[in-house]
């Protein structure tokens, strides 16, 4: 709702319109800057970032051509809440990390004065303990018996089954 005035340093209308578009940076442009700034990262990191950015393109309410200065912390909270339903905590942390890095670029490039990410409610979640399926004693005994009963394989011997029993006991 505030009026911003800035000299575009030209008298030509077409050049002024082009400079005005550049001055009013969009989220699309910020995403492009983020991708360009992260070209040196590993292929896996770039693939993860590309996946998150594709999701941002698909699910950002109001469209990706919103001006960066109009993005509010509530917009970020809303988008992260949509992602939170389907993501584990570590993936959620990666999504928030991308947003933080992206808005840090906008602050450093003076597109915005303050990052809206600094005011969001949930910035990080404790990683979850992995679920490890450990066989019960009866299931483990069935595995050992199965190994011992295989007569025509290289790994069907007494030593291997004894070694597995020692591992299970420890």
N, C-alpha and C. Protein backbone atom coordinates (compact mmCIF):
# COMPACT_ATOMS: atom_id res chain seq x y z
N UNK A 1 0.79 -1.19 0.00
CA UNK A 1 0.00 0.00 0.00
C UNK A 1 0.84 1.26 0.00
N UNK A 2 2.16 1.14 0.03
CA UNK A 2 3.01 2.32 0.02
C UNK A 2 3.42 2.65 -1.40
N UNK A 3 3.63 3.93 -1.64
CA UNK A 3 4.07 4.38 -2.95
C UNK A 3 5.59 4.47 -2.94
N UNK A 4 6.21 3.83 -3.93
CA UNK A 4 7.66 3.85 -4.06
C UNK A 4 8.03 4.63 -5.30
N UNK A 5 8.94 5.56 -5.15
CA UNK A 5 9.42 6.33 -6.28
C UNK A 5 10.90 6.08 -6.45
N UNK A 6 11.30 5.94 -7.70
CA UNK A 6 12.68 5.65 -8.00
C UNK A 6 12.97 6.14 -9.40
N UNK A 7 14.09 6.83 -9.59
CA UNK A 7 14.46 7.31 -10.91
C UNK A 7 14.93 6.14 -11.76
N UNK A 8 14.40 6.02 -12.96
CA UNK A 8 14.82 4.97 -13.88
C UNK A 8 15.94 5.45 -14.80
N UNK A 9 16.33 6.70 -14.66
CA UNK A 9 17.48 7.29 -15.35
C UNK A 9 17.40 7.15 -16.87
N UNK A 10 16.22 7.43 -17.42
CA UNK A 10 16.06 7.43 -18.86
C UNK A 10 14.84 8.28 -19.22
N UNK A 11 14.84 8.74 -20.44
CA UNK A 11 13.68 9.48 -20.96
C UNK A 11 12.90 8.64 -21.95
N UNK A 12 13.47 7.51 -22.39
CA UNK A 12 12.82 6.62 -23.35
C UNK A 12 11.82 5.74 -22.62
N UNK A 13 10.59 5.71 -23.09
CA UNK A 13 9.53 4.98 -22.41
C UNK A 13 9.78 3.47 -22.41
N UNK A 14 10.22 2.89 -23.53
CA UNK A 14 10.45 1.45 -23.61
C UNK A 14 11.55 1.01 -22.64
N UNK A 15 12.63 1.78 -22.60
CA UNK A 15 13.71 1.46 -21.66
C UNK A 15 13.21 1.60 -20.22
N UNK A 16 12.40 2.61 -19.97
CA UNK A 16 11.85 2.82 -18.63
C UNK A 16 10.96 1.65 -18.22
N UNK A 17 10.14 1.15 -19.14
CA UNK A 17 9.28 0.00 -18.83
C UNK A 17 10.11 -1.24 -18.53
N UNK A 18 11.17 -1.44 -19.31
CA UNK A 18 12.04 -2.60 -19.08
C UNK A 18 12.73 -2.49 -17.72
N UNK A 19 13.23 -1.31 -17.40
CA UNK A 19 13.89 -1.12 -16.10
C UNK A 19 12.90 -1.24 -14.95
N UNK A 20 11.67 -0.81 -15.18
CA UNK A 20 10.64 -0.95 -14.15
C UNK A 20 10.34 -2.42 -13.87
N UNK A 21 10.26 -3.22 -14.94
CA UNK A 21 10.05 -4.67 -14.75
C UNK A 21 11.20 -5.29 -13.97
N UNK A 22 12.42 -4.85 -14.28
CA UNK A 22 13.59 -5.35 -13.55
C UNK A 22 13.54 -4.92 -12.09
N UNK A 23 13.06 -3.71 -11.86
CA UNK A 23 12.99 -3.18 -10.49
C UNK A 23 11.98 -3.97 -9.66
N UNK A 24 10.89 -4.32 -10.28
CA UNK A 24 9.86 -5.09 -9.57
C UNK A 24 10.14 -6.58 -9.78
N UNK A 25 11.01 -7.11 -8.98
CA UNK A 25 11.46 -8.49 -9.12
C UNK A 25 10.36 -9.45 -8.71
N UNK A 26 10.29 -10.57 -9.43
CA UNK A 26 9.27 -11.57 -9.14
C UNK A 26 9.91 -12.79 -8.49
N UNK A 27 9.05 -13.64 -7.96
CA UNK A 27 9.52 -14.90 -7.36
C UNK A 27 10.17 -15.77 -8.42
N UNK A 28 9.67 -15.73 -9.64
CA UNK A 28 10.26 -16.50 -10.74
C UNK A 28 11.73 -16.09 -10.95
N UNK A 29 11.97 -14.79 -10.98
CA UNK A 29 13.33 -14.29 -11.14
C UNK A 29 14.23 -14.67 -9.98
N UNK A 30 13.69 -14.64 -8.77
CA UNK A 30 14.46 -15.01 -7.59
C UNK A 30 14.84 -16.50 -7.64
N UNK A 31 13.91 -17.33 -8.10
CA UNK A 31 14.21 -18.76 -8.25
C UNK A 31 15.33 -18.97 -9.27
N UNK A 32 15.31 -18.20 -10.35
CA UNK A 32 16.36 -18.31 -11.35
C UNK A 32 17.71 -17.88 -10.77
N UNK A 33 17.72 -16.83 -9.96
CA UNK A 33 18.95 -16.41 -9.31
C UNK A 33 19.45 -17.49 -8.35
N UNK A 34 18.53 -18.11 -7.63
CA UNK A 34 18.91 -19.18 -6.70
C UNK A 34 19.57 -20.33 -7.44
N UNK A 35 18.97 -20.76 -8.56
CA UNK A 35 19.52 -21.86 -9.34
C UNK A 35 20.90 -21.48 -9.86
N UNK A 36 21.04 -20.26 -10.36
CA UNK A 36 22.34 -19.81 -10.88
C UNK A 36 23.39 -19.77 -9.77
N UNK A 37 23.01 -19.38 -8.57
CA UNK A 37 23.95 -19.28 -7.46
C UNK A 37 24.38 -20.64 -6.94
N UNK A 38 23.61 -21.69 -7.24
CA UNK A 38 23.91 -23.02 -6.73
C UNK A 38 24.39 -23.98 -7.81
N UNK A 39 24.94 -23.47 -8.90
CA UNK A 39 25.43 -24.31 -9.99
C UNK A 39 26.61 -25.17 -9.57
N UNK A 40 27.38 -24.74 -8.59
CA UNK A 40 28.55 -25.48 -8.17
C UNK A 40 28.26 -26.62 -7.21
N UNK A 41 27.04 -26.76 -6.78
CA UNK A 41 26.67 -27.82 -5.84
C UNK A 41 26.69 -29.18 -6.54
N UNK A 42 26.63 -30.24 -5.76
CA UNK A 42 26.64 -31.59 -6.32
C UNK A 42 25.37 -31.84 -7.13
N UNK A 43 25.45 -32.84 -7.99
CA UNK A 43 24.31 -33.16 -8.86
C UNK A 43 23.08 -33.55 -8.03
N UNK A 44 23.29 -34.26 -6.93
CA UNK A 44 22.16 -34.67 -6.10
C UNK A 44 21.49 -33.46 -5.44
N UNK A 45 22.30 -32.52 -4.96
CA UNK A 45 21.75 -31.30 -4.34
C UNK A 45 20.97 -30.50 -5.38
N UNK A 46 21.53 -30.39 -6.58
CA UNK A 46 20.83 -29.66 -7.63
C UNK A 46 19.52 -30.35 -8.01
N UNK A 47 19.52 -31.68 -8.02
CA UNK A 47 18.28 -32.41 -8.33
C UNK A 47 17.24 -32.19 -7.24
N UNK A 48 17.68 -32.21 -5.99
CA UNK A 48 16.76 -31.95 -4.87
C UNK A 48 16.18 -30.55 -4.97
N UNK A 49 17.05 -29.57 -5.22
CA UNK A 49 16.58 -28.19 -5.38
C UNK A 49 15.61 -28.06 -6.54
N UNK A 50 15.91 -28.71 -7.65
CA UNK A 50 15.03 -28.65 -8.83
C UNK A 50 13.66 -29.24 -8.51
N UNK A 51 13.63 -30.30 -7.72
CA UNK A 51 12.37 -30.92 -7.33
C UNK A 51 11.55 -29.98 -6.44
N UNK A 52 12.20 -29.34 -5.49
CA UNK A 52 11.51 -28.40 -4.60
C UNK A 52 11.00 -27.21 -5.40
N UNK A 53 11.82 -26.70 -6.31
CA UNK A 53 11.43 -25.55 -7.13
C UNK A 53 10.26 -25.91 -8.04
N UNK A 54 10.28 -27.12 -8.60
CA UNK A 54 9.15 -27.55 -9.43
C UNK A 54 7.86 -27.60 -8.60
N UNK A 55 7.96 -28.08 -7.37
CA UNK A 55 6.81 -28.08 -6.47
C UNK A 55 6.34 -26.68 -6.14
N UNK A 56 7.28 -25.78 -5.99
CA UNK A 56 6.95 -24.37 -5.74
C UNK A 56 6.21 -23.77 -6.93
N UNK A 57 6.67 -24.09 -8.12
CA UNK A 57 5.99 -23.61 -9.34
C UNK A 57 4.55 -24.13 -9.41
N UNK A 58 4.37 -25.40 -9.05
CA UNK A 58 3.04 -26.02 -9.14
C UNK A 58 2.07 -25.55 -8.07
N UNK A 59 2.58 -25.34 -6.85
CA UNK A 59 1.65 -25.19 -5.72
C UNK A 59 1.63 -23.82 -5.08
N UNK A 60 2.44 -22.87 -5.55
CA UNK A 60 2.44 -21.54 -4.93
C UNK A 60 1.12 -20.85 -5.24
N UNK A 61 0.39 -20.46 -4.20
CA UNK A 61 -0.91 -19.81 -4.42
C UNK A 61 -0.69 -18.40 -4.94
N UNK A 62 -1.46 -18.01 -5.91
CA UNK A 62 -1.33 -16.69 -6.50
C UNK A 62 -0.37 -16.62 -7.67
N UNK A 63 0.29 -17.72 -7.98
CA UNK A 63 1.19 -17.74 -9.12
C UNK A 63 2.61 -17.36 -8.77
N UNK A 64 3.52 -17.82 -9.59
CA UNK A 64 4.94 -17.65 -9.35
C UNK A 64 5.44 -16.26 -9.77
N UNK A 65 4.60 -15.49 -10.44
CA UNK A 65 5.01 -14.17 -10.90
C UNK A 65 4.70 -13.06 -9.89
N UNK A 66 4.50 -13.43 -8.63
CA UNK A 66 4.27 -12.46 -7.58
C UNK A 66 5.58 -11.70 -7.31
N UNK A 67 5.48 -10.43 -7.02
CA UNK A 67 6.67 -9.65 -6.68
C UNK A 67 7.20 -10.12 -5.33
N UNK A 68 8.50 -10.21 -5.24
CA UNK A 68 9.14 -10.70 -4.01
C UNK A 68 8.80 -9.80 -2.83
N UNK A 69 8.70 -8.51 -3.06
CA UNK A 69 8.42 -7.59 -1.96
C UNK A 69 7.00 -7.76 -1.42
N UNK A 70 6.13 -8.44 -2.16
CA UNK A 70 4.76 -8.67 -1.71
C UNK A 70 4.58 -10.01 -0.99
N UNK A 71 5.63 -10.79 -0.90
CA UNK A 71 5.55 -12.08 -0.22
C UNK A 71 5.62 -11.85 1.28
N UNK A 72 4.64 -12.36 1.97
CA UNK A 72 4.52 -12.19 3.42
C UNK A 72 4.90 -13.50 4.12
N UNK A 73 5.28 -13.43 5.39
CA UNK A 73 5.55 -14.66 6.14
C UNK A 73 4.35 -15.62 6.14
N UNK A 74 3.14 -15.08 6.11
CA UNK A 74 1.96 -15.95 6.09
C UNK A 74 1.89 -16.76 4.79
N UNK A 75 2.38 -16.20 3.68
CA UNK A 75 2.42 -16.95 2.42
C UNK A 75 3.37 -18.15 2.56
N UNK A 76 4.51 -17.91 3.18
CA UNK A 76 5.47 -18.99 3.38
C UNK A 76 4.93 -20.05 4.33
N UNK A 77 4.29 -19.59 5.43
CA UNK A 77 3.68 -20.54 6.37
C UNK A 77 2.63 -21.39 5.67
N UNK A 78 1.82 -20.77 4.83
CA UNK A 78 0.76 -21.49 4.13
C UNK A 78 1.35 -22.53 3.19
N UNK A 79 2.37 -22.15 2.42
CA UNK A 79 2.97 -23.10 1.48
C UNK A 79 3.66 -24.24 2.21
N UNK A 80 4.38 -23.93 3.29
CA UNK A 80 5.05 -24.97 4.06
C UNK A 80 4.05 -25.91 4.73
N UNK A 81 2.90 -25.37 5.15
CA UNK A 81 1.87 -26.21 5.76
C UNK A 81 1.33 -27.23 4.75
N UNK A 82 1.21 -26.82 3.50
CA UNK A 82 0.78 -27.76 2.45
C UNK A 82 1.80 -28.88 2.26
N UNK A 83 3.07 -28.53 2.34
CA UNK A 83 4.14 -29.52 2.14
C UNK A 83 4.32 -30.40 3.37
N UNK A 84 4.05 -29.85 4.54
CA UNK A 84 4.29 -30.55 5.80
C UNK A 84 3.51 -31.86 5.91
N UNK A 85 2.33 -31.89 5.32
CA UNK A 85 1.47 -33.08 5.40
C UNK A 85 2.15 -34.30 4.79
N UNK A 86 2.90 -34.09 3.72
CA UNK A 86 3.43 -35.22 2.96
C UNK A 86 4.92 -35.46 3.17
N UNK A 87 5.60 -34.62 3.94
CA UNK A 87 7.05 -34.72 4.08
C UNK A 87 7.46 -35.21 5.45
N UNK A 88 8.57 -35.93 5.48
CA UNK A 88 9.19 -36.26 6.76
C UNK A 88 9.95 -35.03 7.23
N UNK A 89 10.36 -35.02 8.48
CA UNK A 89 10.98 -33.84 9.06
C UNK A 89 12.26 -33.41 8.34
N UNK A 90 13.09 -34.35 7.92
CA UNK A 90 14.33 -34.00 7.24
C UNK A 90 14.05 -33.33 5.90
N UNK A 91 13.07 -33.84 5.17
CA UNK A 91 12.70 -33.22 3.89
C UNK A 91 12.09 -31.85 4.12
N UNK A 92 11.27 -31.73 5.15
CA UNK A 92 10.69 -30.43 5.49
C UNK A 92 11.81 -29.42 5.79
N UNK A 93 12.84 -29.85 6.50
CA UNK A 93 13.97 -28.98 6.81
C UNK A 93 14.68 -28.55 5.53
N UNK A 94 14.75 -29.43 4.54
CA UNK A 94 15.39 -29.06 3.27
C UNK A 94 14.56 -28.00 2.54
N UNK A 95 13.23 -28.13 2.58
CA UNK A 95 12.35 -27.14 1.96
C UNK A 95 12.54 -25.77 2.63
N UNK A 96 12.58 -25.76 3.95
CA UNK A 96 12.75 -24.49 4.65
C UNK A 96 14.14 -23.91 4.39
N UNK A 97 15.13 -24.77 4.27
CA UNK A 97 16.48 -24.31 3.98
C UNK A 97 16.55 -23.63 2.61
N UNK A 98 15.86 -24.18 1.63
CA UNK A 98 15.83 -23.57 0.30
C UNK A 98 15.18 -22.20 0.36
N UNK A 99 14.07 -22.08 1.07
CA UNK A 99 13.41 -20.78 1.20
C UNK A 99 14.31 -19.77 1.89
N UNK A 100 14.99 -20.19 2.95
CA UNK A 100 15.89 -19.29 3.67
C UNK A 100 17.00 -18.80 2.75
N UNK A 101 17.62 -19.71 2.02
CA UNK A 101 18.71 -19.33 1.11
C UNK A 101 18.21 -18.40 0.01
N UNK A 102 17.02 -18.70 -0.50
CA UNK A 102 16.47 -17.90 -1.59
C UNK A 102 16.20 -16.46 -1.13
N UNK A 103 15.61 -16.29 0.03
CA UNK A 103 15.31 -14.94 0.51
C UNK A 103 16.56 -14.23 1.02
N UNK A 104 17.58 -14.98 1.42
CA UNK A 104 18.86 -14.35 1.75
C UNK A 104 19.48 -13.72 0.50
N UNK A 105 19.33 -14.39 -0.64
CA UNK A 105 19.80 -13.82 -1.91
C UNK A 105 19.06 -12.52 -2.20
N UNK A 106 17.74 -12.52 -1.98
CA UNK A 106 16.95 -11.32 -2.25
C UNK A 106 17.37 -10.16 -1.34
N UNK A 107 17.71 -10.45 -0.09
CA UNK A 107 18.15 -9.39 0.83
C UNK A 107 19.52 -8.88 0.40
N UNK A 108 20.44 -9.79 0.08
CA UNK A 108 21.79 -9.37 -0.33
C UNK A 108 21.76 -8.55 -1.63
N UNK A 109 20.85 -8.90 -2.55
CA UNK A 109 20.73 -8.15 -3.81
C UNK A 109 19.87 -6.90 -3.67
N UNK A 110 19.42 -6.63 -2.46
CA UNK A 110 18.60 -5.47 -2.14
C UNK A 110 17.28 -5.43 -2.91
N UNK A 111 16.75 -6.60 -3.19
CA UNK A 111 15.41 -6.67 -3.76
C UNK A 111 14.40 -6.38 -2.67
N UNK A 112 14.69 -6.89 -1.46
CA UNK A 112 13.87 -6.63 -0.28
C UNK A 112 14.80 -6.23 0.86
N UNK A 113 14.25 -5.52 1.83
CA UNK A 113 15.06 -5.07 2.96
C UNK A 113 15.20 -6.14 4.03
N UNK A 114 14.12 -6.91 4.24
CA UNK A 114 14.11 -7.94 5.27
C UNK A 114 13.47 -9.20 4.72
N UNK A 115 14.02 -10.34 5.08
CA UNK A 115 13.51 -11.62 4.60
C UNK A 115 12.20 -11.98 5.29
N UNK A 116 11.15 -12.34 4.54
CA UNK A 116 9.93 -12.80 5.18
C UNK A 116 10.12 -14.15 5.87
N UNK A 117 11.17 -14.86 5.48
CA UNK A 117 11.44 -16.16 6.10
C UNK A 117 11.80 -16.02 7.57
N UNK A 118 12.38 -14.89 7.95
CA UNK A 118 12.81 -14.71 9.34
C UNK A 118 11.63 -14.66 10.31
N UNK A 119 10.43 -14.47 9.80
CA UNK A 119 9.26 -14.34 10.67
C UNK A 119 8.32 -15.56 10.61
N UNK A 120 8.70 -16.64 9.90
CA UNK A 120 7.79 -17.78 9.84
C UNK A 120 7.83 -18.56 11.15
N UNK A 121 6.76 -19.28 11.42
CA UNK A 121 6.60 -19.91 12.72
C UNK A 121 7.43 -21.18 12.89
N UNK A 122 7.48 -22.06 11.89
CA UNK A 122 8.21 -23.31 12.02
C UNK A 122 9.33 -23.32 11.00
N UNK A 123 10.56 -23.10 11.46
CA UNK A 123 11.70 -23.05 10.55
C UNK A 123 12.46 -24.36 10.48
N UNK A 124 12.38 -25.18 11.54
CA UNK A 124 13.17 -26.39 11.60
C UNK A 124 12.46 -27.41 12.45
N UNK A 125 12.57 -28.68 12.07
CA UNK A 125 11.97 -29.75 12.85
C UNK A 125 13.04 -30.78 13.21
N UNK A 126 12.90 -31.35 14.38
CA UNK A 126 13.82 -32.39 14.83
C UNK A 126 13.71 -33.59 13.90
N UNK A 127 14.85 -34.08 13.35
CA UNK A 127 14.78 -35.27 12.48
C UNK A 127 14.20 -36.46 13.23
N UNK A 128 13.43 -37.25 12.50
CA UNK A 128 12.78 -38.41 13.11
C UNK A 128 13.75 -39.58 13.20
N UNK A 129 13.52 -40.42 14.18
CA UNK A 129 14.31 -41.64 14.30
C UNK A 129 13.91 -42.58 13.16
N UNK A 130 14.89 -43.20 12.49
CA UNK A 130 14.53 -44.13 11.42
C UNK A 130 13.88 -45.39 12.00
N UNK A 131 12.96 -45.94 11.26
CA UNK A 131 12.29 -47.17 11.67
C UNK A 131 13.09 -48.33 11.11
N UNK A 132 13.65 -49.12 12.00
CA UNK A 132 14.44 -50.27 11.58
C UNK A 132 13.66 -51.54 11.92
N UNK A 133 13.49 -52.37 10.93
CA UNK A 133 12.78 -53.63 11.13
C UNK A 133 13.78 -54.69 11.59
N UNK A 134 13.66 -55.09 12.84
CA UNK A 134 14.55 -56.08 13.41
C UNK A 134 13.74 -57.35 13.62
N UNK A 135 14.25 -58.48 13.12
CA UNK A 135 13.48 -59.71 13.28
C UNK A 135 13.42 -60.16 14.74
N UNK A 136 12.34 -60.84 15.06
CA UNK A 136 12.22 -61.41 16.41
C UNK A 136 13.14 -62.62 16.50
N UNK A 137 13.27 -63.17 17.69
CA UNK A 137 14.13 -64.34 17.89
C UNK A 137 13.65 -65.51 17.04
N UNK A 138 12.34 -65.72 16.96
CA UNK A 138 11.81 -66.82 16.15
C UNK A 138 12.06 -66.59 14.66
N UNK A 139 11.88 -65.36 14.20
CA UNK A 139 12.13 -65.04 12.80
C UNK A 139 13.62 -65.22 12.47
N UNK A 140 14.48 -64.80 13.39
CA UNK A 140 15.91 -64.93 13.15
C UNK A 140 16.32 -66.40 13.11
N UNK A 141 15.73 -67.19 13.99
CA UNK A 141 16.03 -68.63 13.99
C UNK A 141 15.57 -69.26 12.68
N UNK A 142 14.45 -68.81 12.13
CA UNK A 142 13.98 -69.32 10.84
C UNK A 142 14.95 -68.95 9.72
N UNK A 143 15.54 -67.76 9.78
CA UNK A 143 16.53 -67.35 8.78
C UNK A 143 17.77 -68.25 8.86
N UNK A 144 18.26 -68.49 10.08
CA UNK A 144 19.43 -69.33 10.27
C UNK A 144 19.14 -70.75 9.79
N UNK A 145 17.97 -71.28 10.11
CA UNK A 145 17.61 -72.64 9.66
C UNK A 145 17.51 -72.71 8.14
N UNK A 146 17.02 -71.63 7.53
CA UNK A 146 16.93 -71.59 6.07
C UNK A 146 18.32 -71.63 5.45
N UNK A 147 19.27 -70.92 6.03
CA UNK A 147 20.64 -70.92 5.52
C UNK A 147 21.26 -72.31 5.69
N UNK A 148 21.04 -72.93 6.82
CA UNK A 148 21.62 -74.26 7.07
C UNK A 148 20.99 -75.33 6.19
N UNK A 149 19.75 -75.14 5.78
CA UNK A 149 19.07 -76.17 4.98
C UNK A 149 19.42 -76.13 3.50
N UNK A 150 20.06 -75.07 3.05
CA UNK A 150 20.43 -74.96 1.63
C UNK A 150 21.72 -75.74 1.39
N UNK A 151 21.61 -76.84 0.70
CA UNK A 151 22.73 -77.77 0.55
C UNK A 151 23.67 -77.40 -0.61
N UNK A 152 23.15 -76.80 -1.68
CA UNK A 152 23.97 -76.63 -2.89
C UNK A 152 24.37 -75.18 -3.14
N UNK A 153 24.54 -74.40 -2.08
CA UNK A 153 24.99 -73.01 -2.25
C UNK A 153 26.28 -72.81 -1.46
N UNK A 154 27.05 -71.82 -1.89
CA UNK A 154 28.35 -71.56 -1.26
C UNK A 154 28.21 -71.00 0.15
N UNK A 155 27.10 -70.31 0.40
CA UNK A 155 26.96 -69.69 1.72
C UNK A 155 26.19 -70.54 2.71
N UNK A 156 25.83 -71.76 2.33
CA UNK A 156 25.07 -72.63 3.23
C UNK A 156 26.05 -73.48 4.04
N UNK A 157 26.62 -72.89 5.05
CA UNK A 157 27.52 -73.67 5.88
C UNK A 157 27.30 -73.34 7.35
N UNK A 158 27.87 -74.14 8.18
CA UNK A 158 27.70 -74.02 9.62
C UNK A 158 28.35 -72.74 10.16
N UNK A 159 29.49 -72.36 9.60
CA UNK A 159 30.20 -71.18 10.09
C UNK A 159 29.38 -69.90 9.91
N UNK A 160 28.78 -69.78 8.73
CA UNK A 160 27.98 -68.59 8.46
C UNK A 160 26.79 -68.51 9.41
N UNK A 161 26.08 -69.60 9.58
CA UNK A 161 24.92 -69.57 10.47
C UNK A 161 25.34 -69.31 11.91
N UNK A 162 26.49 -69.85 12.35
CA UNK A 162 26.98 -69.56 13.70
C UNK A 162 27.34 -68.08 13.84
N UNK A 163 27.95 -67.50 12.80
CA UNK A 163 28.31 -66.09 12.83
C UNK A 163 27.05 -65.22 12.95
N UNK A 164 26.00 -65.56 12.20
CA UNK A 164 24.75 -64.81 12.30
C UNK A 164 24.14 -64.92 13.69
N UNK A 165 24.22 -66.08 14.29
CA UNK A 165 23.71 -66.24 15.66
C UNK A 165 24.47 -65.35 16.64
N UNK A 166 25.79 -65.25 16.48
CA UNK A 166 26.60 -64.40 17.36
C UNK A 166 26.19 -62.95 17.17
N UNK A 167 25.97 -62.52 15.91
CA UNK A 167 25.54 -61.14 15.66
C UNK A 167 24.19 -60.85 16.30
N UNK A 168 23.30 -61.82 16.25
CA UNK A 168 21.97 -61.60 16.82
C UNK A 168 22.04 -61.51 18.34
N UNK A 169 22.87 -62.29 18.94
CA UNK A 169 22.98 -62.29 20.41
C UNK A 169 23.59 -60.97 20.89
N UNK A 170 24.58 -60.45 20.15
CA UNK A 170 25.21 -59.19 20.55
C UNK A 170 24.27 -58.08 20.31
